[in-house]
N, C-alpha and C. Protein backbone atom coordinates (compact mmCIF):
# COMPACT_ATOMS: atom_id res chain seq x y z
N UNK A 1 31.79 30.01 12.70
CA UNK A 1 30.94 29.64 12.41
C UNK A 1 29.93 28.97 11.21
N UNK A 2 30.33 30.37 10.95
CA UNK A 2 29.24 30.60 9.95
C UNK A 2 30.35 29.89 8.30
N UNK A 3 31.51 29.78 8.77
CA UNK A 3 33.02 29.18 7.61
C UNK A 3 32.26 27.72 7.30
N UNK A 4 31.79 26.44 8.88
CA UNK A 4 31.76 25.64 8.72
C UNK A 4 30.15 25.58 7.67
N UNK A 5 29.34 26.38 8.30
CA UNK A 5 28.15 25.80 7.14
C UNK A 5 27.69 25.85 6.31
N UNK A 6 28.90 27.31 5.50
CA UNK A 6 28.90 26.93 4.57
C UNK A 6 30.10 25.83 3.44
N UNK A 7 30.14 24.71 4.40
CA UNK A 7 31.35 24.44 3.90
C UNK A 7 30.31 23.13 4.26
N UNK A 8 29.32 22.93 4.59
CA UNK A 8 28.64 21.82 4.62
C UNK A 8 27.37 22.04 4.22
N UNK A 9 27.16 23.01 3.09
CA UNK A 9 26.41 23.53 2.82
C UNK A 9 25.57 22.19 1.97
N UNK A 10 26.30 21.18 1.04
CA UNK A 10 25.37 19.81 0.42
C UNK A 10 24.71 19.21 0.62
N UNK A 11 25.12 19.15 1.92
CA UNK A 11 24.39 17.79 2.65
C UNK A 11 22.77 17.78 2.60
N UNK A 12 22.75 19.09 2.39
CA UNK A 12 20.70 18.80 2.56
C UNK A 12 20.43 18.55 1.25
N UNK A 13 21.36 19.91 0.33
CA UNK A 13 20.30 19.11 -1.21
C UNK A 13 20.77 17.12 -0.96
N UNK A 14 22.07 17.49 -1.12
CA UNK A 14 22.50 15.73 -1.04
C UNK A 14 20.83 14.59 -0.20
N UNK A 15 20.25 14.72 0.79
CA UNK A 15 19.82 14.26 1.28
C UNK A 15 18.56 14.76 0.75
N UNK A 16 18.10 15.91 0.37
CA UNK A 16 16.62 16.28 -0.51
C UNK A 16 16.65 15.29 -1.76
N UNK A 17 18.49 14.71 -2.57
CA UNK A 17 17.86 14.03 -3.36
C UNK A 17 17.81 13.03 -3.40
N UNK A 18 18.21 11.70 -2.35
CA UNK A 18 18.14 10.38 -1.76
C UNK A 18 17.40 10.52 -1.93
N UNK A 19 16.59 11.23 -0.95
CA UNK A 19 14.98 11.40 -0.44
C UNK A 19 13.72 11.26 -1.77
N UNK A 20 14.30 11.96 -1.95
CA UNK A 20 13.17 11.33 -3.87
C UNK A 20 13.46 10.42 -4.58
N UNK A 21 14.91 10.24 -4.30
CA UNK A 21 15.15 9.34 -5.49
C UNK A 21 14.71 7.37 -4.97
N UNK A 22 14.60 7.88 -3.75
CA UNK A 22 13.90 6.68 -2.32
C UNK A 22 13.20 6.66 -2.65
N UNK A 23 12.19 7.69 -2.37
CA UNK A 23 9.90 7.88 -3.12
C UNK A 23 10.41 7.25 -4.44
N UNK A 24 10.81 7.66 -5.36
CA UNK A 24 10.84 7.67 -7.14
C UNK A 24 10.44 5.69 -6.76
N UNK A 25 11.72 4.98 -6.45
CA UNK A 25 12.11 4.18 -6.69
C UNK A 25 11.46 3.10 -5.64
N UNK A 26 11.19 3.40 -5.05
CA UNK A 26 9.99 3.08 -4.31
C UNK A 26 8.57 2.52 -4.42
N UNK A 27 8.55 4.06 -5.12
CA UNK A 27 6.81 4.31 -6.02
C UNK A 27 6.35 2.37 -6.87
N UNK A 28 7.99 2.49 -7.56
CA UNK A 28 7.76 1.87 -9.52
C UNK A 28 7.57 1.01 -8.72
N UNK A 29 8.91 0.40 -7.63
CA UNK A 29 9.07 -1.15 -7.09
C UNK A 29 7.63 -1.37 -6.35
N UNK A 30 6.57 -0.48 -5.90
CA UNK A 30 6.10 -1.33 -4.94
C UNK A 30 5.24 -2.01 -6.09
N UNK A 31 4.30 -0.66 -7.21
CA UNK A 31 3.30 -0.59 -8.69
C UNK A 31 3.62 -1.90 -9.13
N UNK A 32 5.37 -2.15 -9.28
CA UNK A 32 5.40 -3.06 -9.71
C UNK A 32 5.39 -4.88 -9.00
N UNK A 33 5.35 -5.06 -8.30
CA UNK A 33 5.46 -5.99 -6.84
C UNK A 33 3.70 -5.71 -6.88
N UNK A 34 2.79 -5.35 -7.22
CA UNK A 34 1.70 -4.93 -6.07
C UNK A 34 1.39 -6.03 -7.81
N UNK A 35 1.64 -5.51 -8.82
CA UNK A 35 1.29 -5.73 -9.68
C UNK A 35 1.28 -7.75 -10.22
N UNK A 36 2.91 -7.96 -10.01
CA UNK A 36 3.43 -9.38 -9.74
C UNK A 36 2.94 -10.09 -9.25
N UNK A 37 2.13 -9.86 -7.87
CA UNK A 37 1.34 -10.51 -7.24
C UNK A 37 2.51 -11.06 -6.07
N UNK A 38 3.79 -9.93 -6.08
CA UNK A 38 4.11 -10.47 -5.33
C UNK A 38 4.45 -9.86 -3.90
N UNK A 39 3.87 -10.38 -3.51
CA UNK A 39 3.65 -10.21 -1.22
C UNK A 39 4.31 -9.34 -0.58
N UNK A 40 5.41 -10.32 -0.65
CA UNK A 40 6.67 -10.33 0.55
C UNK A 40 7.60 -9.56 0.02
N UNK A 41 7.56 -9.29 -1.66
CA UNK A 41 8.24 -7.87 -1.79
C UNK A 41 8.00 -7.01 -1.89
N UNK A 42 6.02 -6.28 -1.85
CA UNK A 42 5.81 -5.21 -1.43
C UNK A 42 5.90 -4.97 0.05
N UNK A 43 6.31 -5.76 1.04
CA UNK A 43 5.19 -5.51 2.27
C UNK A 43 7.26 -5.12 2.63
N UNK A 44 8.43 -5.75 1.57
CA UNK A 44 9.99 -6.05 2.39
C UNK A 44 10.38 -3.98 2.00
N UNK A 45 9.84 -3.49 0.66
CA UNK A 45 10.21 -2.39 0.06
C UNK A 45 9.19 -2.11 0.89
N UNK A 46 8.05 -1.75 1.49
CA UNK A 46 6.96 -0.40 1.83
C UNK A 46 7.77 -0.05 2.86
N UNK A 47 8.46 -1.47 3.79
CA UNK A 47 8.98 -1.51 5.65
C UNK A 47 10.17 -0.89 5.80
N UNK A 48 11.05 -1.48 5.17
CA UNK A 48 12.67 -1.25 5.20
C UNK A 48 13.57 -0.02 4.34
N UNK A 49 13.64 1.35 5.28
CA UNK A 49 14.03 1.99 3.95
C UNK A 49 16.01 2.05 4.00
N UNK A 50 16.20 1.67 2.50
CA UNK A 50 17.07 1.08 2.00
C UNK A 50 18.29 2.15 1.10
N UNK A 51 17.34 3.57 0.95
CA UNK A 51 17.97 4.55 0.25
C UNK A 51 17.66 3.99 -1.23
N UNK A 52 16.22 3.60 -1.86
CA UNK A 52 16.91 3.04 -3.06
C UNK A 52 17.54 1.78 -2.94
N UNK A 53 17.62 1.22 -2.74
CA UNK A 53 18.70 -0.08 -3.45
C UNK A 53 17.82 -1.36 -3.47
N UNK A 54 16.80 -1.87 -2.04
CA UNK A 54 16.92 -2.53 -2.03
C UNK A 54 15.09 -2.48 -3.43
N UNK A 55 14.12 -1.20 -3.54
CA UNK A 55 13.55 -1.46 -4.73
C UNK A 55 14.42 -1.53 -5.98
N UNK A 56 15.63 -1.29 -5.88
CA UNK A 56 16.27 -1.29 -7.25
C UNK A 56 16.57 -2.43 -7.41
N UNK A 57 16.44 -3.64 -6.77
CA UNK A 57 17.72 -5.02 -6.24
C UNK A 57 15.95 -5.81 -6.98
N UNK A 58 15.27 -5.54 -6.85
CA UNK A 58 13.53 -6.54 -6.56
C UNK A 58 13.29 -5.85 -8.38
N UNK A 59 13.18 -4.03 -8.58
CA UNK A 59 13.72 -4.11 -10.38
C UNK A 59 14.37 -5.00 -11.46
N UNK A 60 15.21 -4.75 -10.89
CA UNK A 60 16.47 -5.48 -11.44
C UNK A 60 16.29 -7.05 -11.53
N UNK A 61 15.51 -7.88 -10.79
CA UNK A 61 15.63 -9.51 -10.52
C UNK A 61 14.34 -9.63 -11.23
N UNK A 62 13.41 -8.46 -11.43
CA UNK A 62 12.40 -9.21 -11.81
C UNK A 62 12.08 -9.07 -13.60
N UNK A 63 13.45 -7.86 -13.42
CA UNK A 63 13.50 -7.28 -15.13
C UNK A 63 14.24 -8.39 -15.72
N UNK A 64 14.84 -9.48 -14.66
CA UNK A 64 15.59 -10.38 -15.14
C UNK A 64 14.80 -11.89 -15.57
N UNK A 65 13.32 -11.81 -14.35
CA UNK A 65 12.56 -12.98 -14.31
C UNK A 65 12.25 -12.78 -15.57
N UNK A 66 11.53 -11.72 -16.25
CA UNK A 66 10.20 -11.18 -17.35
C UNK A 66 11.35 -11.15 -18.84
N UNK A 67 12.36 -10.76 -18.68
CA UNK A 67 13.42 -11.40 -19.98
C UNK A 67 13.79 -13.23 -20.60
N UNK A 68 14.27 -13.82 -19.06
CA UNK A 68 13.74 -14.92 -19.65
C UNK A 68 12.26 -15.68 -19.74
N UNK A 69 11.67 -15.42 -19.27
CA UNK A 69 10.38 -15.93 -19.23
C UNK A 69 10.08 -15.81 -21.37
N UNK A 70 10.24 -14.13 -21.48
CA UNK A 70 10.14 -14.52 -23.16
C UNK A 70 10.89 -15.31 -23.93
N UNK A 71 11.80 -16.38 -23.50
CA UNK A 71 13.17 -16.55 -24.62
C UNK A 71 12.66 -18.38 -24.23
């Protein structure tokens, strides 16, 4: 029993790291979407838990829009 626990002990730190990563990405994306008046993005990011994938998609798309507006 103890050997199985030691082999799977890496799962808890992985979950903690993923949760922190998701929280940071979600906070950044929600802040940017609120600043840019993107209500749909704000609601989607707030409702769906995607382990940081949806916030990253928003940040990438928003960055590309900002770059294309400058040119």
